[in-house]
Amino acid sequence: MFHGSHGGMPQVLPVGLREAAAQVPQTMARSPGHHQEWLLACKGQGTAVSNFSYSGPLTETVLLGVLAQRAPGRRLQWDAANLQVRNMPELNPFVHKEYRAGWTL
């Protein structure tokens, strides 16, 4: 399966599986579109599917995959509460950076 930007227009491959995929019942409400969904959420009319409670952990997971590429064949022990790798402290500089004086978050 693949899709365009923001999950739009998903397609099933190979083509022979499309009929079977069409038989799967819909269990989630369909989005009116990424931007419309966001505007409605800003107006208090629902919650965007890409809200921070979902997108934050997803982003953390994806970035951990990128970090893991710096330690091929090794398992990272991630401390989510402290945002650091427990068993490979040499990777932690890639998680946080020291900001110059006057440029902090």
PDB file of N, CA and C in Angstrom:
ATOM      1  N   MET A   1       0.849  -1.171   0.000  1.00  0.00           N
ATOM      2  CA  MET A   1       0.000   0.000   0.000  1.00  0.00           C
ATOM      3  C   MET A   1       0.894   1.234   0.000  1.00  0.00           C
ATOM      4  N   PHE A   2       0.480   2.237  -0.719  1.00  0.00           N
ATOM      5  CA  PHE A   2       1.191   3.509  -0.692  1.00  0.00           C
ATOM      6  C   PHE A   2       0.157   4.615  -0.802  1.00  0.00           C
ATOM      7  N   HIS A   3       0.565   5.838  -0.474  1.00  0.00           N
ATOM      8  CA  HIS A   3      -0.360   6.971  -0.546  1.00  0.00           C
ATOM      9  C   HIS A   3       0.411   8.243  -0.844  1.00  0.00           C
ATOM     10  N   GLY A   4      -0.340   9.263  -1.169  1.00  0.00           N
ATOM     11  CA  GLY A   4       0.262  10.560  -1.449  1.00  0.00           C
ATOM     12  C   GLY A   4       0.514  11.324  -0.161  1.00  0.00           C
ATOM     13  N   SER A   5       0.686  12.603  -0.279  1.00  0.00           N
ATOM     14  CA  SER A   5       0.954  13.463   0.859  1.00  0.00           C
ATOM     15  C   SER A   5      -0.166  13.414   1.888  1.00  0.00           C
ATOM     16  N   HIS A   6       0.200  13.366   3.155  1.00  0.00           N
ATOM     17  CA  HIS A   6      -0.736  13.386   4.278  1.00  0.00           C
ATOM     18  C   HIS A   6      -1.747  12.242   4.223  1.00  0.00           C
ATOM     19  N   GLY A   7      -1.356  11.119   3.673  1.00  0.00           N
ATOM     20  CA  GLY A   7      -2.222   9.940   3.654  1.00  0.00           C
ATOM     21  C   GLY A   7      -3.292   9.956   2.590  1.00  0.00           C
ATOM     22  N   GLY A   8      -3.240  10.893   1.664  1.00  0.00           N
ATOM     23  CA  GLY A   8      -4.283  11.006   0.649  1.00  0.00           C
ATOM     24  C   GLY A   8      -4.194   9.964  -0.453  1.00  0.00           C
ATOM     25  N   MET A   9      -5.310   9.544  -0.938  1.00  0.00           N
ATOM     26  CA  MET A   9      -5.462   8.647  -2.077  1.00  0.00           C
ATOM     27  C   MET A   9      -4.644   7.357  -1.950  1.00  0.00           C
ATOM     28  N   PRO A  10      -4.888   6.548  -0.913  1.00  0.00           N
ATOM     29  CA  PRO A  10      -4.126   5.301  -0.782  1.00  0.00           C
ATOM     30  C   PRO A  10      -4.410   4.338  -1.930  1.00  0.00           C
ATOM     31  N   GLN A  11      -3.383   3.601  -2.316  1.00  0.00           N
ATOM     32  CA  GLN A  11      -3.484   2.617  -3.397  1.00  0.00           C
ATOM     33  C   GLN A  11      -2.933   1.282  -2.897  1.00  0.00           C
ATOM     34  N   VAL A  12      -3.590   0.196  -3.279  1.00  0.00           N
ATOM     35  CA  VAL A  12      -3.145  -1.133  -2.891  1.00  0.00           C
ATOM     36  C   VAL A  12      -2.446  -1.779  -4.082  1.00  0.00           C
ATOM     37  N   LEU A  13      -1.300  -2.384  -3.813  1.00  0.00           N
ATOM     38  CA  LEU A  13      -0.563  -3.127  -4.829  1.00  0.00           C
ATOM     39  C   LEU A  13      -0.325  -4.545  -4.323  1.00  0.00           C
ATOM     40  N   PRO A  14      -0.322  -5.547  -5.116  1.00  0.00           N
ATOM     41  CA  PRO A  14      -0.608  -5.508  -6.542  1.00  0.00           C
ATOM     42  C   PRO A  14      -2.095  -5.247  -6.789  1.00  0.00           C
ATOM     43  N   VAL A  15      -2.389  -4.870  -8.000  1.00  0.00           N
ATOM     44  CA  VAL A  15      -3.749  -4.502  -8.393  1.00  0.00           C
ATOM     45  C   VAL A  15      -4.743  -5.604  -8.039  1.00  0.00           C
ATOM     46  N   GLY A  16      -4.318  -6.876  -8.101  1.00  0.00           N
ATOM     47  CA  GLY A  16      -5.205  -7.998  -7.806  1.00  0.00           C
ATOM     48  C   GLY A  16      -5.758  -7.983  -6.384  1.00  0.00           C
ATOM     49  N   LEU A  17      -5.114  -7.274  -5.460  1.00  0.00           N
ATOM     50  CA  LEU A  17      -5.592  -7.211  -4.075  1.00  0.00           C
ATOM     51  C   LEU A  17      -6.573  -6.067  -3.829  1.00  0.00           C
ATOM     52  N   ARG A  18      -6.775  -5.209  -4.794  1.00  0.00           N
ATOM     53  CA  ARG A  18      -7.639  -4.043  -4.591  1.00  0.00           C
ATOM     54  C   ARG A  18      -9.077  -4.434  -4.291  1.00  0.00           C
ATOM     55  N   GLU A  19      -9.564  -5.476  -4.952  1.00  0.00           N
ATOM     56  CA  GLU A  19     -10.946  -5.910  -4.712  1.00  0.00           C
ATOM     57  C   GLU A  19     -11.099  -6.417  -3.274  1.00  0.00           C
ATOM     58  N   ALA A  20     -10.137  -7.199  -2.805  1.00  0.00           N
ATOM     59  CA  ALA A  20     -10.180  -7.686  -1.420  1.00  0.00           C
ATOM     60  C   ALA A  20     -10.076  -6.521  -0.438  1.00  0.00           C
ATOM     61  N   ALA A  21      -9.252  -5.549  -0.735  1.00  0.00           N
ATOM     62  CA  ALA A  21      -9.095  -4.393   0.144  1.00  0.00           C
ATOM     63  C   ALA A  21     -10.387  -3.583   0.222  1.00  0.00           C
ATOM     64  N   ALA A  22     -11.121  -3.525  -0.862  1.00  0.00           N
ATOM     65  CA  ALA A  22     -12.377  -2.778  -0.884  1.00  0.00           C
ATOM     66  C   ALA A  22     -13.431  -3.409   0.027  1.00  0.00           C
ATOM     67  N   GLN A  23     -13.274  -4.688   0.365  1.00  0.00           N
ATOM     68  CA  GLN A  23     -14.239  -5.384   1.212  1.00  0.00           C
ATOM     69  C   GLN A  23     -13.995  -5.157   2.709  1.00  0.00           C
ATOM     70  N   VAL A  24     -12.861  -4.577   3.066  1.00  0.00           N
ATOM     71  CA  VAL A  24     -12.558  -4.315   4.477  1.00  0.00           C
ATOM     72  C   VAL A  24     -13.478  -3.199   4.968  1.00  0.00           C
ATOM     73  N   PRO A  25     -14.225  -3.435   6.069  1.00  0.00           N
ATOM     74  CA  PRO A  25     -15.153  -2.410   6.547  1.00  0.00           C
ATOM     75  C   PRO A  25     -14.432  -1.170   7.071  1.00  0.00           C
ATOM     76  N   GLN A  26     -15.037  -0.012   6.856  1.00  0.00           N
ATOM     77  CA  GLN A  26     -14.471   1.238   7.361  1.00  0.00           C
ATOM     78  C   GLN A  26     -14.733   1.316   8.862  1.00  0.00           C
ATOM     79  N   THR A  27     -13.688   1.536   9.648  1.00  0.00           N
ATOM     80  CA  THR A  27     -13.831   1.630  11.097  1.00  0.00           C
ATOM     81  C   THR A  27     -13.496   3.025  11.626  1.00  0.00           C
ATOM     82  N   MET A  28     -13.008   3.892  10.751  1.00  0.00           N
ATOM     83  CA  MET A  28     -12.661   5.251  11.145  1.00  0.00           C
ATOM     84  C   MET A  28     -13.396   6.233  10.241  1.00  0.00           C
ATOM     85  N   ALA A  29     -13.772   7.367  10.818  1.00  0.00           N
ATOM     86  CA  ALA A  29     -14.378   8.422  10.010  1.00  0.00           C
ATOM     87  C   ALA A  29     -13.348   8.932   9.009  1.00  0.00           C
ATOM     88  N   ARG A  30     -13.773   9.242   7.824  1.00  0.00           N
ATOM     89  CA  ARG A  30     -12.865   9.739   6.792  1.00  0.00           C
ATOM     90  C   ARG A  30     -12.595  11.225   7.003  1.00  0.00           C
ATOM     91  N   SER A  31     -11.378  11.615   6.747  1.00  0.00           N
ATOM     92  CA  SER A  31     -10.954  12.996   6.919  1.00  0.00           C
ATOM     93  C   SER A  31     -11.500  13.864   5.783  1.00  0.00           C
ATOM     94  N   PRO A  32     -11.896  15.103   6.099  1.00  0.00           N
ATOM     95  CA  PRO A  32     -12.296  16.022   5.033  1.00  0.00           C
ATOM     96  C   PRO A  32     -11.082  16.571   4.283  1.00  0.00           C
ATOM     97  N   GLY A  33      -9.893  16.170   4.714  1.00  0.00           N
ATOM     98  CA  GLY A  33      -8.644  16.668   4.128  1.00  0.00           C
ATOM     99  C   GLY A  33      -7.788  17.243   5.237  1.00  0.00           C
ATOM    100  N   HIS A  34      -6.484  17.132   5.076  1.00  0.00           N
ATOM    101  CA  HIS A  34      -5.539  17.534   6.118  1.00  0.00           C
ATOM    102  C   HIS A  34      -5.759  18.972   6.579  1.00  0.00           C
ATOM    103  N   HIS A  35      -5.827  19.900   5.647  1.00  0.00           N
ATOM    104  CA  HIS A  35      -5.942  21.313   6.009  1.00  0.00           C
ATOM    105  C   HIS A  35      -7.320  21.634   6.592  1.00  0.00           C
ATOM    106  N   GLN A  36      -8.382  21.088   6.002  1.00  0.00           N
ATOM    107  CA  GLN A  36      -9.730  21.321   6.518  1.00  0.00           C
ATOM    108  C   GLN A  36      -9.871  20.742   7.921  1.00  0.00           C
ATOM    109  N   GLU A  37      -9.316  19.569   8.138  1.00  0.00           N
ATOM    110  CA  GLU A  37      -9.363  18.924   9.451  1.00  0.00           C
ATOM    111  C   GLU A  37      -8.669  19.801  10.496  1.00  0.00           C
ATOM    112  N   TRP A  38      -7.517  20.368  10.122  1.00  0.00           N
ATOM    113  CA  TRP A  38      -6.768  21.231  11.027  1.00  0.00           C
ATOM    114  C   TRP A  38      -7.567  22.492  11.363  1.00  0.00           C
ATOM    115  N   LEU A  39      -8.169  23.117  10.345  1.00  0.00           N
ATOM    116  CA  LEU A  39      -8.966  24.322  10.582  1.00  0.00           C
ATOM    117  C   LEU A  39     -10.153  24.033  11.494  1.00  0.00           C
ATOM    118  N   LEU A  40     -10.843  22.917  11.275  1.00  0.00           N
ATOM    119  CA  LEU A  40     -11.979  22.557  12.127  1.00  0.00           C
ATOM    120  C   LEU A  40     -11.524  22.339  13.568  1.00  0.00           C
ATOM    121  N   ALA A  41     -10.377  21.704  13.765  1.00  0.00           N
ATOM    122  CA  ALA A  41      -9.847  21.484  15.111  1.00  0.00           C
ATOM    123  C   ALA A  41      -9.513  22.817  15.775  1.00  0.00           C
ATOM    124  N   CYS A  42      -8.963  23.769  15.015  1.00  0.00           N
ATOM    125  CA  CYS A  42      -8.664  25.101  15.558  1.00  0.00           C
ATOM    126  C   CYS A  42      -9.931  25.798  16.026  1.00  0.00           C
ATOM    127  N   LYS A  43     -11.029  25.530  15.362  1.00  0.00           N
ATOM    128  CA  LYS A  43     -12.316  26.132  15.718  1.00  0.00           C
ATOM    129  C   LYS A  43     -13.042  25.354  16.807  1.00  0.00           C
ATOM    130  N   GLY A  44     -12.420  24.281  17.322  1.00  0.00           N
ATOM    131  CA  GLY A  44     -13.040  23.491  18.373  1.00  0.00           C
ATOM    132  C   GLY A  44     -14.057  22.494  17.863  1.00  0.00           C
ATOM    133  N   GLN A  45     -14.025  22.198  16.576  1.00  0.00           N
ATOM    134  CA  GLN A  45     -14.981  21.281  15.962  1.00  0.00           C
ATOM    135  C   GLN A  45     -14.304  19.941  15.667  1.00  0.00           C
ATOM    136  N   GLY A  46     -13.896  19.253  16.720  1.00  0.00           N
ATOM    137  CA  GLY A  46     -13.239  17.967  16.545  1.00  0.00           C
ATOM    138  C   GLY A  46     -11.758  18.050  16.844  1.00  0.00           C
ATOM    139  N   THR A  47     -11.094  16.933  16.644  1.00  0.00           N
ATOM    140  CA  THR A  47      -9.659  16.827  16.883  1.00  0.00           C
ATOM    141  C   THR A  47      -8.988  16.358  15.609  1.00  0.00           C
ATOM    142  N   ALA A  48      -7.902  17.008  15.253  1.00  0.00           N
ATOM    143  CA  ALA A  48      -7.163  16.585  14.070  1.00  0.00           C
ATOM    144  C   ALA A  48      -6.561  15.206  14.321  1.00  0.00           C
ATOM    145  N   VAL A  49      -6.589  14.342  13.319  1.00  0.00           N
ATOM    146  CA  VAL A  49      -6.012  13.010  13.460  1.00  0.00           C
ATOM    147  C   VAL A  49      -4.508  13.116  13.719  1.00  0.00           C
ATOM    148  N   SER A  50      -3.891  14.170  13.216  1.00  0.00           N
ATOM    149  CA  SER A  50      -2.448  14.362  13.396  1.00  0.00           C
ATOM    150  C   SER A  50      -2.142  15.218  14.632  1.00  0.00           C
ATOM    151  N   ASN A  51      -2.992  15.147  15.659  1.00  0.00           N
ATOM    152  CA  ASN A  51      -2.771  15.956  16.860  1.00  0.00           C
ATOM    153  C   ASN A  51      -1.467  15.533  17.556  1.00  0.00           C
ATOM    154  N   PHE A  52      -0.993  16.357  18.468  1.00  0.00           N
ATOM    155  CA  PHE A  52       0.319  16.125  19.071  1.00  0.00           C
ATOM    156  C   PHE A  52       0.376  14.860  19.919  1.00  0.00           C
ATOM    157  N   SER A  53      -0.741  14.421  20.493  1.00  0.00           N
ATOM    158  CA  SER A  53      -0.701  13.191  21.297  1.00  0.00           C
ATOM    159  C   SER A  53      -0.414  11.978  20.413  1.00  0.00           C
ATOM    160  N   TYR A  54      -0.694  12.074  19.129  1.00  0.00           N
ATOM    161  CA  TYR A  54      -0.384  11.007  18.174  1.00  0.00           C
ATOM    162  C   TYR A  54       0.930  11.287  17.447  1.00  0.00           C
ATOM    163  N   SER A  55       1.058  12.503  16.930  1.00  0.00           N
ATOM    164  CA  SER A  55       2.214  12.802  16.078  1.00  0.00           C
ATOM    165  C   SER A  55       3.521  12.914  16.859  1.00  0.00           C
ATOM    166  N   GLY A  56       3.464  13.324  18.128  1.00  0.00           N
ATOM    167  CA  GLY A  56       4.676  13.420  18.927  1.00  0.00           C
ATOM    168  C   GLY A  56       5.355  12.062  19.109  1.00  0.00           C
ATOM    169  N   PRO A  57       4.633  11.054  19.648  1.00  0.00           N
ATOM    170  CA  PRO A  57       5.244   9.728  19.781  1.00  0.00           C
ATOM    171  C   PRO A  57       5.640   9.108  18.436  1.00  0.00           C
ATOM    172  N   LEU A  58       4.859   9.360  17.387  1.00  0.00           N
ATOM    173  CA  LEU A  58       5.216   8.830  16.073  1.00  0.00           C
ATOM    174  C   LEU A  58       6.538   9.430  15.602  1.00  0.00           C
ATOM    175  N   THR A  59       6.690  10.734  15.758  1.00  0.00           N
ATOM    176  CA  THR A  59       7.928  11.403  15.359  1.00  0.00           C
ATOM    177  C   THR A  59       9.109  10.884  16.173  1.00  0.00           C
ATOM    178  N   GLU A  60       8.901  10.677  17.483  1.00  0.00           N
ATOM    179  CA  GLU A  60       9.970  10.142  18.331  1.00  0.00           C
ATOM    180  C   GLU A  60      10.411   8.764  17.833  1.00  0.00           C
ATOM    181  N   THR A  61       9.458   7.928  17.455  1.00  0.00           N
ATOM    182  CA  THR A  61       9.764   6.588  16.953  1.00  0.00           C
ATOM    183  C   THR A  61      10.568   6.656  15.657  1.00  0.00           C
ATOM    184  N   VAL A  62      10.152   7.521  14.741  1.00  0.00           N
ATOM    185  CA  VAL A  62      10.852   7.646  13.458  1.00  0.00           C
ATOM    186  C   VAL A  62      12.275   8.163  13.684  1.00  0.00           C
ATOM    187  N   LEU A  63      12.431   9.164  14.540  1.00  0.00           N
ATOM    188  CA  LEU A  63      13.759   9.713  14.787  1.00  0.00           C
ATOM    189  C   LEU A  63      14.659   8.716  15.515  1.00  0.00           C
ATOM    190  N   LEU A  64      14.075   7.840  16.333  1.00  0.00           N
ATOM    191  CA  LEU A  64      14.885   6.783  16.951  1.00  0.00           C
ATOM    192  C   LEU A  64      15.411   5.823  15.895  1.00  0.00           C
ATOM    193  N   GLY A  65      14.627   5.586  14.865  1.00  0.00           N
ATOM    194  CA  GLY A  65      15.106   4.755  13.758  1.00  0.00           C
ATOM    195  C   GLY A  65      16.297   5.384  13.070  1.00  0.00           C
ATOM    196  N   VAL A  66      16.255   6.696  12.907  1.00  0.00           N
ATOM    197  CA  VAL A  66      17.388   7.409  12.303  1.00  0.00           C
ATOM    198  C   VAL A  66      18.605   7.312  13.225  1.00  0.00           C
ATOM    199  N   LEU A  67      18.379   7.492  14.522  1.00  0.00           N
ATOM    200  CA  LEU A  67      19.471   7.397  15.492  1.00  0.00           C
ATOM    201  C   LEU A  67      20.076   5.989  15.499  1.00  0.00           C
ATOM    202  N   ALA A  68      19.240   4.967  15.373  1.00  0.00           N
ATOM    203  CA  ALA A  68      19.704   3.575  15.391  1.00  0.00           C
ATOM    204  C   ALA A  68      20.636   3.280  14.218  1.00  0.00           C
ATOM    205  N   GLN A  69      20.537   4.038  13.147  1.00  0.00           N
ATOM    206  CA  GLN A  69      21.435   3.827  12.015  1.00  0.00           C
ATOM    207  C   GLN A  69      22.888   4.146  12.368  1.00  0.00           C
ATOM    208  N   ARG A  70      23.094   4.873  13.444  1.00  0.00           N
ATOM    209  CA  ARG A  70      24.454   5.194  13.888  1.00  0.00           C
ATOM    210  C   ARG A  70      25.053   4.070  14.730  1.00  0.00           C
ATOM    211  N   ALA A  71      24.246   3.036  15.018  1.00  0.00           N
ATOM    212  CA  ALA A  71      24.719   1.895  15.815  1.00  0.00           C
ATOM    213  C   ALA A  71      24.224   0.601  15.175  1.00  0.00           C
ATOM    214  N   PRO A  72      24.654   0.300  13.958  1.00  0.00           N
ATOM    215  CA  PRO A  72      24.141  -0.878  13.259  1.00  0.00           C
ATOM    216  C   PRO A  72      24.385  -2.171  14.031  1.00  0.00           C
ATOM    217  N   GLY A  73      23.353  -3.005  14.079  1.00  0.00           N
ATOM    218  CA  GLY A  73      23.459  -4.302  14.732  1.00  0.00           C
ATOM    219  C   GLY A  73      23.359  -4.259  16.243  1.00  0.00           C
ATOM    220  N   ARG A  74      23.159  -3.089  16.810  1.00  0.00           N
ATOM    221  CA  ARG A  74      23.052  -2.960  18.271  1.00  0.00           C
ATOM    222  C   ARG A  74      21.662  -2.493  18.645  1.00  0.00           C
ATOM    223  N   ARG A  75      21.196  -2.919  19.802  1.00  0.00           N
ATOM    224  CA  ARG A  75      19.872  -2.540  20.286  1.00  0.00           C
ATOM    225  C   ARG A  75      19.982  -1.332  21.211  1.00  0.00           C
ATOM    226  N   LEU A  76      19.222  -0.294  20.925  1.00  0.00           N
ATOM    227  CA  LEU A  76      19.219   0.902  21.756  1.00  0.00           C
ATOM    228  C   LEU A  76      18.252   0.712  22.917  1.00  0.00           C
ATOM    229  N   GLN A  77      18.664   1.138  24.096  1.00  0.00           N
ATOM    230  CA  GLN A  77      17.773   1.157  25.260  1.00  0.00           C
ATOM    231  C   GLN A  77      17.378   2.616  25.466  1.00  0.00           C
ATOM    232  N   TRP A  78      16.186   2.960  24.995  1.00  0.00           N
ATOM    233  CA  TRP A  78      15.733   4.345  24.982  1.00  0.00           C
ATOM    234  C   TRP A  78      15.025   4.689  26.281  1.00  0.00           C
ATOM    235  N   ASP A  79      15.424   5.759  26.915  1.00  0.00           N
ATOM    236  CA  ASP A  79      14.786   6.288  28.120  1.00  0.00           C
ATOM    237  C   ASP A  79      13.913   7.456  27.683  1.00  0.00           C
ATOM    238  N   ALA A  80      12.635   7.173  27.438  1.00  0.00           N
ATOM    239  CA  ALA A  80      11.733   8.191  26.898  1.00  0.00           C
ATOM    240  C   ALA A  80      11.511   9.342  27.876  1.00  0.00           C
ATOM    241  N   ALA A  81      11.466   9.044  29.163  1.00  0.00           N
ATOM    242  CA  ALA A  81      11.226  10.100  30.149  1.00  0.00           C
ATOM    243  C   ALA A  81      12.348  11.128  30.166  1.00  0.00           C
ATOM    244  N   ASN A  82      13.580  10.665  29.976  1.00  0.00           N
ATOM    245  CA  ASN A  82      14.736  11.568  30.007  1.00  0.00           C
ATOM    246  C   ASN A  82      15.314  11.868  28.634  1.00  0.00           C
ATOM    247  N   LEU A  83      14.693  11.317  27.599  1.00  0.00           N
ATOM    248  CA  LEU A  83      15.124  11.535  26.208  1.00  0.00           C
ATOM    249  C   LEU A  83      16.608  11.266  26.017  1.00  0.00           C
ATOM    250  N   GLN A  84      17.016  10.042  26.353  1.00  0.00           N
ATOM    251  CA  GLN A  84      18.410   9.667  26.153  1.00  0.00           C
ATOM    252  C   GLN A  84      18.540   8.158  25.961  1.00  0.00           C
ATOM    253  N   VAL A  85      19.645   7.786  25.321  1.00  0.00           N
ATOM    254  CA  VAL A  85      19.958   6.379  25.117  1.00  0.00           C
ATOM    255  C   VAL A  85      20.727   5.911  26.344  1.00  0.00           C
ATOM    256  N   ARG A  86      20.192   4.920  27.056  1.00  0.00           N
ATOM    257  CA  ARG A  86      20.828   4.465  28.299  1.00  0.00           C
ATOM    258  C   ARG A  86      22.115   3.689  28.059  1.00  0.00           C
ATOM    259  N   ASN A  87      22.121   2.818  27.056  1.00  0.00           N
ATOM    260  CA  ASN A  87      23.262   1.924  26.897  1.00  0.00           C
ATOM    261  C   ASN A  87      24.335   2.429  25.930  1.00  0.00           C
ATOM    262  N   MET A  88      24.100   3.547  25.265  1.00  0.00           N
ATOM    263  CA  MET A  88      25.106   4.113  24.357  1.00  0.00           C
ATOM    264  C   MET A  88      25.126   5.631  24.497  1.00  0.00           C
ATOM    265  N   PRO A  89      25.723   6.125  25.572  1.00  0.00           N
ATOM    266  CA  PRO A  89      25.727   7.571  25.798  1.00  0.00           C
ATOM    267  C   PRO A  89      26.403   8.362  24.678  1.00  0.00           C
ATOM    268  N   GLU A  90      27.228   7.693  23.880  1.00  0.00           N
ATOM    269  CA  GLU A  90      27.881   8.399  22.765  1.00  0.00           C
ATOM    270  C   GLU A  90      26.877   8.865  21.706  1.00  0.00           C
ATOM    271  N   LEU A  91      25.653   8.320  21.738  1.00  0.00           N
ATOM    272  CA  LEU A  91      24.622   8.748  20.785  1.00  0.00           C
ATOM    273  C   LEU A  91      23.818   9.952  21.287  1.00  0.00           C
ATOM    274  N   ASN A  92      23.873  10.225  22.581  1.00  0.00           N
ATOM    275  CA  ASN A  92      23.059  11.300  23.142  1.00  0.00           C
ATOM    276  C   ASN A  92      23.337  12.685  22.576  1.00  0.00           C
ATOM    277  N   PRO A  93      24.566  13.000  22.151  1.00  0.00           N
ATOM    278  CA  PRO A  93      24.762  14.314  21.519  1.00  0.00           C
ATOM    279  C   PRO A  93      23.931  14.497  20.241  1.00  0.00           C
ATOM    280  N   PHE A  94      23.513  13.405  19.625  1.00  0.00           N
ATOM    281  CA  PHE A  94      22.668  13.514  18.436  1.00  0.00           C
ATOM    282  C   PHE A  94      21.205  13.757  18.798  1.00  0.00           C
ATOM    283  N   VAL A  95      20.872  13.550  20.071  1.00  0.00           N
ATOM    284  CA  VAL A  95      19.495  13.755  20.536  1.00  0.00           C
ATOM    285  C   VAL A  95      19.287  15.211  20.936  1.00  0.00           C
ATOM    286  N   HIS A  96      20.255  15.771  21.632  1.00  0.00           N
ATOM    287  CA  HIS A  96      20.188  17.160  22.094  1.00  0.00           C
ATOM    288  C   HIS A  96      21.439  17.883  21.629  1.00  0.00           C
ATOM    289  N   LYS A  97      21.320  19.141  21.436  1.00  0.00           N
ATOM    290  CA  LYS A  97      22.514  19.907  21.106  1.00  0.00           C
ATOM    291  C   LYS A  97      22.645  21.051  22.087  1.00  0.00           C
ATOM    292  N   GLU A  98      23.851  21.452  22.310  1.00  0.00           N
ATOM    293  CA  GLU A  98      24.120  22.592  23.173  1.00  0.00           C
ATOM    294  C   GLU A  98      23.956  23.855  22.333  1.00  0.00           C
ATOM    295  N   TYR A  99      23.125  24.747  22.799  1.00  0.00           N
ATOM    296  CA  TYR A  99      22.898  25.999  22.082  1.00  0.00           C
ATOM    297  C   TYR A  99      23.885  27.060  22.560  1.00  0.00           C
ATOM    298  N   ARG A 100      24.257  27.934  21.645  1.00  0.00           N
ATOM    299  CA  ARG A 100      25.123  29.044  22.018  1.00  0.00           C
ATOM    300  C   ARG A 100      24.397  29.943  23.021  1.00  0.00           C
ATOM    301  N   ALA A 101      25.149  30.668  23.804  1.00  0.00           N
ATOM    302  CA  ALA A 101      24.576  31.582  24.784  1.00  0.00           C
ATOM    303  C   ALA A 101      23.620  32.546  24.074  1.00  0.00           C
ATOM    304  N   GLY A 102      22.449  32.695  24.646  1.00  0.00           N
ATOM    305  CA  GLY A 102      21.440  33.570  24.066  1.00  0.00           C
ATOM    306  C   GLY A 102      20.519  32.892  23.071  1.00  0.00           C
ATOM    307  N   TRP A 103      20.789  31.637  22.733  1.00  0.00           N
ATOM    308  CA  TRP A 103      19.969  30.913  21.760  1.00  0.00           C
ATOM    309  C   TRP A 103      19.477  29.600  22.382  1.00  0.00           C
ATOM    310  N   THR A 104      18.594  29.706  23.344  1.00  0.00           N
ATOM    311  CA  THR A 104      18.105  28.515  24.018  1.00  0.00           C
ATOM    312  C   THR A 104      16.622  28.315  23.756  1.00  0.00           C
ATOM    313  N   LEU A 105      16.187  27.097  23.963  1.00  0.00           N
ATOM    314  CA  LEU A 105      14.760  26.775  23.853  1.00  0.00           C
ATOM    315  C   LEU A 105      14.181  26.604  25.214  1.00  0.00           C
TER     316      LEU A 105
END
